[in-house]
Protein backbone atom coordinates (compact mmCIF):
# COMPACT_ATOMS: atom_id res chain seq x y z
CA MET A 1 0.19 -17.53 11.96
CA LYS A 2 0.71 -16.82 15.68
CA ASN A 3 3.07 -13.94 14.85
CA ALA A 4 0.43 -12.32 12.61
CA VAL A 5 -2.11 -12.44 15.44
CA VAL A 6 0.41 -11.00 17.91
CA ALA A 7 1.45 -8.24 15.44
CA ARG A 8 -2.21 -7.39 14.82
CA ASN A 9 -2.87 -7.14 18.56
CA TYR A 10 0.03 -4.68 18.96
CA ALA A 11 -1.14 -2.73 15.93
CA GLU A 12 -4.66 -2.50 17.40
CA ALA A 13 -3.20 -1.19 20.65
CA LEU A 14 -1.08 1.35 18.81
CA LEU A 15 -4.09 2.53 16.80
CA LEU A 16 -6.17 2.96 19.94
CA ALA A 17 -3.38 5.03 21.53
CA ALA A 18 -3.15 7.18 18.39
CA GLU A 19 -6.91 7.71 18.28
CA MET A 20 -6.86 8.94 21.86
CA ARG A 21 -4.40 11.69 20.79
CA GLY A 22 -6.65 12.81 17.95
CA ALA A 23 -7.48 11.98 14.36
CA ALA A 24 -4.32 13.65 12.95
CA GLU A 25 -2.22 11.29 15.06
CA ILE A 26 -3.48 8.22 13.32
CA GLU A 27 -1.61 9.01 10.09
CA ARG A 28 1.44 10.37 11.94
CA THR A 29 1.70 7.18 14.00
CA GLY A 30 1.51 5.18 10.82
CA HIS A 31 4.46 7.12 9.40
CA LEU A 32 6.40 6.65 12.64
CA ILE A 33 5.90 2.89 12.87
CA ASP A 34 6.78 2.55 9.18
CA ALA A 35 9.91 4.62 9.70
CA VAL A 36 11.03 2.56 12.71
CA ALA A 37 10.35 -0.75 10.92
CA GLY A 38 12.18 0.59 7.84
CA ALA A 39 15.17 1.69 9.91
CA VAL A 40 15.40 -1.74 11.52
CA ARG A 41 15.21 -3.38 8.08
CA ALA A 42 17.66 -0.99 6.46
CA ASP A 43 20.35 -0.86 9.12
CA GLU A 44 21.63 -4.17 10.35
CA ARG A 45 23.28 -2.56 13.38
CA ILE A 46 19.88 -1.46 14.69
CA ALA A 47 18.41 -4.91 14.12
CA VAL A 48 21.39 -6.58 15.84
CA VAL A 49 21.13 -4.32 18.93
CA LEU A 50 17.34 -4.79 19.21
CA GLU A 51 17.55 -8.60 18.77
CA SER A 52 20.68 -9.24 20.85
CA PRO A 53 20.14 -11.00 24.16
CA ARG A 54 23.41 -9.42 25.28
CA VAL A 55 21.87 -5.94 25.28
CA SER A 56 19.57 -5.56 28.25
CA LYS A 57 15.97 -4.58 27.71
CA ALA A 58 16.55 -1.49 29.82
CA THR A 59 19.38 -0.45 27.56
CA LYS A 60 17.25 -1.00 24.48
CA ALA A 61 14.45 1.02 25.99
CA ALA A 62 16.87 3.89 26.81
CA LEU A 63 18.26 3.76 23.25
CA LEU A 64 14.80 4.05 21.81
CA ALA A 65 13.94 6.96 24.07
CA ARG A 66 17.16 8.77 23.18
CA ALA A 67 16.77 8.11 19.41
CA LEU A 68 13.04 9.03 19.19
CA GLY A 69 12.54 11.36 22.16
CA ASP A 70 12.40 14.56 20.05
CA LEU A 71 10.78 12.98 16.98
CA ALA A 72 7.89 10.99 18.35
CA PRO A 73 5.19 11.38 21.02
CA ALA A 74 6.01 9.93 24.41
CA GLU A 75 3.18 7.35 24.03
CA PHE A 76 4.77 6.03 20.84
CA VAL A 77 8.16 5.64 22.51
CA LYS A 78 6.55 3.88 25.41
CA PHE A 79 4.77 1.53 22.98
CA LEU A 80 8.13 0.63 21.39
CA GLN A 81 9.71 0.11 24.79
CA ALA A 82 6.83 -2.25 25.74
CA VAL A 83 7.41 -4.13 22.45
CA VAL A 84 11.07 -4.52 23.42
CA ARG A 85 10.33 -5.48 27.03
CA ARG A 86 8.10 -8.31 25.78
CA GLY A 87 10.69 -9.43 23.20
CA ARG A 88 8.50 -8.72 20.22
CA GLN A 89 10.85 -6.33 18.39
CA GLY A 90 11.27 -8.95 15.60
CA LEU A 91 7.62 -8.28 14.71
CA LEU A 92 7.99 -4.50 14.15
CA GLU A 93 7.68 -4.75 10.36
CA GLU A 94 4.59 -6.95 10.63
CA MET A 95 3.14 -4.57 13.24
CA ALA A 96 3.63 -1.69 10.83
CA GLN A 97 1.87 -3.63 8.01
CA GLN A 98 -1.03 -4.57 10.29
CA TYR A 99 -1.31 -0.98 11.54
CA GLN A 100 -1.70 0.27 7.93
CA VAL A 101 -4.35 -2.39 7.27
CA LEU A 102 -6.29 -1.24 10.34
CA VAL A 103 -5.98 2.43 9.39
CA ASP A 104 -7.25 1.65 5.90
CA LEU A 105 -10.26 -0.09 7.39
CA LYS A 106 -10.91 2.75 9.83
CA LEU A 107 -10.63 5.47 7.25
CA ASP A 108 -12.62 3.42 4.66
CA ARG A 109 -9.87 3.50 2.00
CA VAL A 110 -8.45 1.07 -0.45
CA HIS A 111 -5.24 0.83 -2.36
CA ALA A 112 -5.34 0.50 -6.11
CA GLY A 113 -2.55 -0.47 -8.48
CA VAL A 114 -2.98 1.51 -11.66
CA THR A 115 -1.04 0.57 -14.78
CA LEU A 116 -0.84 2.92 -17.71
CA THR A 117 1.45 2.91 -20.81
CA GLU A 118 3.46 5.83 -19.39
CA GLU A 119 3.87 7.72 -16.18
CA PRO A 120 0.87 10.02 -15.63
CA ASP A 121 1.15 13.69 -14.82
CA ALA A 122 -0.47 15.11 -11.71
CA ARG A 123 -3.74 16.07 -13.51
CA ILE A 124 -4.24 12.53 -14.88
CA GLU A 125 -3.44 10.97 -11.47
CA LYS A 126 -6.00 13.22 -9.76
CA LEU A 127 -8.61 12.44 -12.42
CA ILE A 128 -8.08 8.67 -12.08
CA ILE A 129 -8.18 8.81 -8.27
CA GLU A 130 -11.43 10.82 -8.34
CA ARG A 131 -13.10 8.45 -10.76
CA LEU A 132 -11.94 5.37 -8.89
CA SER A 133 -13.14 6.83 -5.57
CA THR A 134 -16.55 7.54 -7.10
CA ALA A 135 -16.82 4.10 -8.70
CA ILE A 136 -15.69 2.18 -5.62
CA GLY A 137 -17.30 4.41 -3.02
CA LYS A 138 -14.20 4.63 -0.90
CA ASP A 139 -11.14 6.82 -0.54
CA VAL A 140 -8.61 5.40 -3.07
CA ARG A 141 -4.84 5.47 -2.65
CA ALA A 142 -3.51 4.86 -6.13
CA HIS A 143 -0.09 3.45 -6.84
CA PHE A 144 0.88 4.16 -10.46
CA ARG A 145 3.26 2.33 -12.71
CA ALA A 146 4.03 2.36 -16.40
CA ASP A 147 3.96 -0.69 -18.68
CA ARG A 148 4.15 -0.23 -22.45
CA GLY A 149 3.02 -3.83 -22.80
CA ILE A 150 -0.60 -2.92 -22.27
CA LEU A 151 -0.40 -0.86 -25.52
CA GLY A 152 -2.95 1.68 -24.19
CA GLY A 153 -5.83 2.15 -21.83
CA VAL A 154 -5.57 1.34 -18.15
CA VAL A 155 -5.45 -1.71 -15.81
CA VAL A 156 -6.59 -1.23 -12.23
CA ARG A 157 -6.10 -3.75 -9.41
CA VAL A 158 -8.02 -3.29 -6.16
CA GLY A 159 -7.44 -6.16 -3.74
CA ASP A 160 -7.96 -9.30 -5.71
CA ARG A 161 -10.12 -7.67 -8.43
CA ILE A 162 -8.65 -6.57 -11.76
CA TYR A 163 -10.36 -4.10 -14.05
CA ASP A 164 -8.61 -4.46 -17.39
CA GLY A 165 -9.40 -1.70 -19.89
CA SER A 166 -6.18 -2.18 -21.79
CA ILE A 167 -5.92 -2.18 -25.58
CA ARG A 168 -3.99 -5.50 -25.29
CA ARG A 169 -6.97 -7.20 -23.64
CA LYS A 170 -9.45 -5.70 -26.09
CA LEU A 171 -7.37 -6.98 -29.01
CA ALA A 172 -7.23 -10.44 -27.46
CA VAL A 173 -10.98 -10.49 -27.01
CA LEU A 174 -11.48 -9.39 -30.63
CA ARG A 175 -9.06 -12.11 -31.82
CA ARG A 176 -10.93 -14.80 -29.91
CA LYS A 177 -14.25 -13.64 -31.40
CA MET A 178 -12.84 -13.60 -34.90
CA LEU A 179 -11.32 -17.08 -34.52
CA ALA A 180 -14.52 -18.46 -33.07
CA GLY A 181 -16.47 -17.10 -36.03
CA GLU A 182 -14.42 -19.16 -38.56
């Protein structure tokens, strides 16, 4: 639990720094912190260097500056260097997750899992996103997946709420009603 609080505090600081550079930087910073956390997760060598007590903090800071100098704003690199100086590099992935949660709150958006019987085309995706945004009253980021098991219709999950408009559920409800009537 303590790590979550620490990660959230760092994420809040990063968001404040991004806001100071302008609204466009909020999303860009999110992509950067996700990319750094992903690189650490994907490449064991990076993780070993960042976590190793044998590599000095100054060397780690210099490596970060050299690796990200042309790709990221100086403030972002300084943020990562501060994370390393304080020995919190093990929390980078959690910081990235917390950052995205804060950005979603700030930009008043939600993520929705949308299940259809088959992969939707761009037109259907756009239509579903528009209707969900109108119904929920927030900007919706939809994550689509296909599942032939629902038989038809759509199942939407937003947070811990599930809106099940699948044929499978409708058939199950009909079956229960028919059995109860006997």
